[in-house]
Amino acid sequence: METRVALIGIVVEDLNSIDQLNQLLHEQNKYIIGRMGIPYSKRDISVISIVLDAPMNVISALSGKLGMLPGISTKTLYSKIKGE
């Protein structure tokens, strides 16, 4: 199955959505290469970066599900290099 490396940038404005966000990420943990979270207390938000190596449908589905959570915004960047 063809995979791509992608970065999902997540901005968390509603901390009540964190449990759901973590559950969605846990469900796809076999594809996650790394995760970095940065709390920004001055604005009461958190910024999270998720790097994955996964099939395109998995990446887009995860990004879409995350973006539907209340107070969560996402943006996804894809590598042009494809892998198996």
N, C-alpha and C. Protein backbone atom coordinates (compact mmCIF):
# COMPACT_ATOMS: atom_id res chain seq x y z
N MET A 1 0.85 -1.18 0.00
CA MET A 1 0.00 0.00 0.00
C MET A 1 0.89 1.25 0.00
N GLU A 2 0.57 2.18 -0.86
CA GLU A 2 1.35 3.41 -0.98
C GLU A 2 1.10 4.33 0.22
N THR A 3 2.18 4.87 0.78
CA THR A 3 2.07 5.77 1.92
C THR A 3 2.75 7.09 1.59
N ARG A 4 2.42 8.09 2.39
CA ARG A 4 3.05 9.41 2.27
C ARG A 4 3.42 9.86 3.68
N VAL A 5 4.45 10.67 3.76
CA VAL A 5 4.80 11.32 5.03
C VAL A 5 4.02 12.63 5.06
N ALA A 6 3.40 12.91 6.18
CA ALA A 6 2.59 14.12 6.30
C ALA A 6 2.75 14.72 7.69
N LEU A 7 2.48 16.01 7.76
CA LEU A 7 2.49 16.75 9.02
C LEU A 7 1.09 17.31 9.23
N ILE A 8 0.50 16.97 10.36
CA ILE A 8 -0.78 17.58 10.74
C ILE A 8 -0.49 18.59 11.83
N GLY A 9 -0.77 19.84 11.54
CA GLY A 9 -0.66 20.92 12.53
C GLY A 9 -2.00 21.11 13.19
N ILE A 10 -2.01 21.13 14.51
CA ILE A 10 -3.26 21.21 15.28
C ILE A 10 -3.17 22.38 16.25
N VAL A 11 -4.21 23.21 16.26
CA VAL A 11 -4.33 24.28 17.26
C VAL A 11 -5.53 23.92 18.14
N VAL A 12 -5.27 23.83 19.43
CA VAL A 12 -6.30 23.47 20.41
C VAL A 12 -6.71 24.72 21.16
N GLU A 13 -7.96 25.15 20.95
CA GLU A 13 -8.48 26.33 21.65
C GLU A 13 -9.45 25.94 22.75
N ASP A 14 -9.97 24.71 22.71
CA ASP A 14 -10.90 24.21 23.72
C ASP A 14 -10.30 22.97 24.37
N LEU A 15 -9.80 23.11 25.57
CA LEU A 15 -9.14 22.00 26.25
C LEU A 15 -10.09 20.85 26.57
N ASN A 16 -11.39 21.08 26.49
CA ASN A 16 -12.36 20.00 26.73
C ASN A 16 -12.33 18.95 25.62
N SER A 17 -11.71 19.27 24.49
CA SER A 17 -11.63 18.33 23.37
C SER A 17 -10.37 17.47 23.39
N ILE A 18 -9.51 17.68 24.36
CA ILE A 18 -8.22 16.98 24.41
C ILE A 18 -8.38 15.46 24.51
N ASP A 19 -9.32 14.98 25.32
CA ASP A 19 -9.50 13.53 25.46
C ASP A 19 -9.90 12.89 24.14
N GLN A 20 -10.81 13.53 23.41
CA GLN A 20 -11.23 13.00 22.11
C GLN A 20 -10.08 13.06 21.11
N LEU A 21 -9.32 14.13 21.14
CA LEU A 21 -8.16 14.28 20.26
C LEU A 21 -7.16 13.16 20.53
N ASN A 22 -6.83 12.93 21.77
CA ASN A 22 -5.87 11.88 22.13
C ASN A 22 -6.39 10.50 21.74
N GLN A 23 -7.69 10.27 21.86
CA GLN A 23 -8.25 8.98 21.47
C GLN A 23 -8.10 8.75 19.96
N LEU A 24 -8.38 9.78 19.16
CA LEU A 24 -8.22 9.66 17.71
C LEU A 24 -6.77 9.39 17.33
N LEU A 25 -5.85 10.07 18.00
CA LEU A 25 -4.43 9.85 17.72
C LEU A 25 -4.00 8.45 18.14
N HIS A 26 -4.49 7.99 19.27
CA HIS A 26 -4.16 6.64 19.75
C HIS A 26 -4.62 5.57 18.75
N GLU A 27 -5.77 5.78 18.14
CA GLU A 27 -6.30 4.81 17.18
C GLU A 27 -5.40 4.68 15.95
N GLN A 28 -4.61 5.70 15.65
CA GLN A 28 -3.72 5.68 14.48
C GLN A 28 -2.25 5.67 14.88
N ASN A 29 -1.94 5.23 16.10
CA ASN A 29 -0.57 5.31 16.61
C ASN A 29 0.44 4.51 15.80
N LYS A 30 0.00 3.49 15.07
CA LYS A 30 0.95 2.70 14.27
C LYS A 30 1.52 3.50 13.10
N TYR A 31 0.87 4.60 12.73
CA TYR A 31 1.34 5.44 11.64
C TYR A 31 2.12 6.66 12.11
N ILE A 32 2.04 6.97 13.39
CA ILE A 32 2.65 8.20 13.91
C ILE A 32 4.15 8.02 14.11
N ILE A 33 4.92 8.89 13.46
CA ILE A 33 6.38 8.89 13.59
C ILE A 33 6.78 9.69 14.83
N GLY A 34 6.13 10.82 15.03
CA GLY A 34 6.47 11.68 16.17
C GLY A 34 5.38 12.69 16.44
N ARG A 35 5.43 13.22 17.66
CA ARG A 35 4.43 14.18 18.11
C ARG A 35 5.12 15.21 18.99
N MET A 36 4.76 16.47 18.78
CA MET A 36 5.30 17.53 19.63
C MET A 36 4.16 18.47 20.01
N GLY A 37 4.01 18.73 21.28
CA GLY A 37 2.98 19.64 21.76
C GLY A 37 3.60 20.83 22.48
N ILE A 38 3.07 22.00 22.19
CA ILE A 38 3.58 23.22 22.80
C ILE A 38 2.42 23.99 23.42
N PRO A 39 2.36 24.07 24.75
CA PRO A 39 1.32 24.90 25.37
C PRO A 39 1.71 26.37 25.27
N TYR A 40 0.74 27.22 24.97
CA TYR A 40 0.99 28.65 24.88
C TYR A 40 0.05 29.33 25.86
N SER A 41 0.49 29.41 27.10
CA SER A 41 -0.38 29.88 28.18
C SER A 41 -0.80 31.35 28.02
N LYS A 42 0.00 32.16 27.36
CA LYS A 42 -0.35 33.56 27.16
C LYS A 42 -1.69 33.70 26.43
N ARG A 43 -1.96 32.78 25.50
CA ARG A 43 -3.21 32.82 24.73
C ARG A 43 -4.16 31.69 25.11
N ASP A 44 -3.76 30.87 26.07
CA ASP A 44 -4.57 29.76 26.57
C ASP A 44 -4.92 28.77 25.44
N ILE A 45 -3.91 28.43 24.62
CA ILE A 45 -4.06 27.44 23.56
C ILE A 45 -2.88 26.48 23.60
N SER A 46 -2.98 25.43 22.83
CA SER A 46 -1.86 24.51 22.62
C SER A 46 -1.70 24.28 21.13
N VAL A 47 -0.47 24.07 20.70
CA VAL A 47 -0.16 23.78 19.32
C VAL A 47 0.52 22.41 19.29
N ILE A 48 0.01 21.52 18.45
CA ILE A 48 0.51 20.15 18.37
C ILE A 48 0.90 19.85 16.93
N SER A 49 2.04 19.21 16.75
CA SER A 49 2.49 18.74 15.44
C SER A 49 2.53 17.22 15.47
N ILE A 50 1.90 16.60 14.48
CA ILE A 50 1.89 15.15 14.35
C ILE A 50 2.52 14.80 13.00
N VAL A 51 3.53 13.95 13.00
CA VAL A 51 4.15 13.50 11.76
C VAL A 51 3.78 12.03 11.56
N LEU A 52 3.25 11.72 10.37
CA LEU A 52 2.79 10.36 10.08
C LEU A 52 3.42 9.84 8.80
N ASP A 53 3.49 8.53 8.70
CA ASP A 53 3.79 7.84 7.45
C ASP A 53 2.64 6.87 7.27
N ALA A 54 1.68 7.24 6.41
CA ALA A 54 0.43 6.49 6.32
C ALA A 54 -0.16 6.61 4.92
N PRO A 55 -1.12 5.74 4.60
CA PRO A 55 -1.86 5.90 3.35
C PRO A 55 -2.62 7.23 3.35
N MET A 56 -2.81 7.78 2.16
CA MET A 56 -3.47 9.08 2.03
C MET A 56 -4.85 9.10 2.68
N ASN A 57 -5.61 8.02 2.52
CA ASN A 57 -6.96 8.00 3.09
C ASN A 57 -6.94 8.04 4.62
N VAL A 58 -5.93 7.44 5.24
CA VAL A 58 -5.80 7.46 6.70
C VAL A 58 -5.47 8.88 7.17
N ILE A 59 -4.54 9.52 6.47
CA ILE A 59 -4.13 10.89 6.84
C ILE A 59 -5.30 11.85 6.72
N SER A 60 -5.98 11.80 5.59
CA SER A 60 -7.08 12.76 5.39
C SER A 60 -8.24 12.48 6.33
N ALA A 61 -8.53 11.21 6.61
CA ALA A 61 -9.62 10.88 7.54
C ALA A 61 -9.29 11.37 8.95
N LEU A 62 -8.05 11.14 9.38
CA LEU A 62 -7.64 11.60 10.72
C LEU A 62 -7.71 13.11 10.82
N SER A 63 -7.17 13.80 9.83
CA SER A 63 -7.20 15.26 9.83
C SER A 63 -8.64 15.79 9.87
N GLY A 64 -9.51 15.17 9.08
CA GLY A 64 -10.91 15.58 9.06
C GLY A 64 -11.61 15.36 10.39
N LYS A 65 -11.38 14.20 11.00
CA LYS A 65 -12.00 13.91 12.29
C LYS A 65 -11.50 14.86 13.37
N LEU A 66 -10.19 15.15 13.35
CA LEU A 66 -9.64 16.09 14.33
C LEU A 66 -10.24 17.48 14.15
N GLY A 67 -10.35 17.91 12.89
CA GLY A 67 -10.87 19.24 12.60
C GLY A 67 -12.34 19.43 12.95
N MET A 68 -13.08 18.32 13.09
CA MET A 68 -14.49 18.41 13.46
C MET A 68 -14.70 18.54 14.97
N LEU A 69 -13.66 18.32 15.74
CA LEU A 69 -13.79 18.45 17.20
C LEU A 69 -13.97 19.92 17.56
N PRO A 70 -14.80 20.21 18.56
CA PRO A 70 -15.01 21.60 18.97
C PRO A 70 -13.71 22.24 19.46
N GLY A 71 -13.41 23.43 18.95
CA GLY A 71 -12.24 24.17 19.40
C GLY A 71 -10.92 23.64 18.87
N ILE A 72 -10.96 22.80 17.84
CA ILE A 72 -9.75 22.23 17.24
C ILE A 72 -9.67 22.68 15.78
N SER A 73 -8.51 23.20 15.38
CA SER A 73 -8.25 23.55 13.98
C SER A 73 -7.06 22.74 13.50
N THR A 74 -7.12 22.28 12.24
CA THR A 74 -6.02 21.49 11.70
C THR A 74 -5.65 21.96 10.30
N LYS A 75 -4.43 21.67 9.93
CA LYS A 75 -3.93 21.89 8.57
C LYS A 75 -2.94 20.77 8.30
N THR A 76 -3.00 20.20 7.10
CA THR A 76 -2.16 19.06 6.78
C THR A 76 -1.26 19.38 5.59
N LEU A 77 0.01 19.01 5.74
CA LEU A 77 1.01 19.13 4.66
C LEU A 77 1.47 17.75 4.28
N TYR A 78 1.61 17.50 2.98
CA TYR A 78 2.01 16.18 2.49
C TYR A 78 3.38 16.26 1.81
N SER A 79 4.20 15.26 2.03
CA SER A 79 5.45 15.11 1.29
C SER A 79 5.11 14.68 -0.14
N LYS A 80 5.94 15.07 -1.08
CA LYS A 80 5.73 14.64 -2.45
C LYS A 80 6.27 13.23 -2.70
N ILE A 81 7.08 12.74 -1.78
CA ILE A 81 7.71 11.42 -1.93
C ILE A 81 6.74 10.35 -1.47
N LYS A 82 6.53 9.34 -2.30
CA LYS A 82 5.63 8.24 -1.98
C LYS A 82 6.46 7.03 -1.58
N GLY A 83 5.91 6.22 -0.70
CA GLY A 83 6.59 5.02 -0.24
C GLY A 83 5.67 3.83 -0.25
N GLU A 84 6.22 2.68 0.04
CA GLU A 84 5.43 1.44 0.10
C GLU A 84 5.29 1.01 1.54
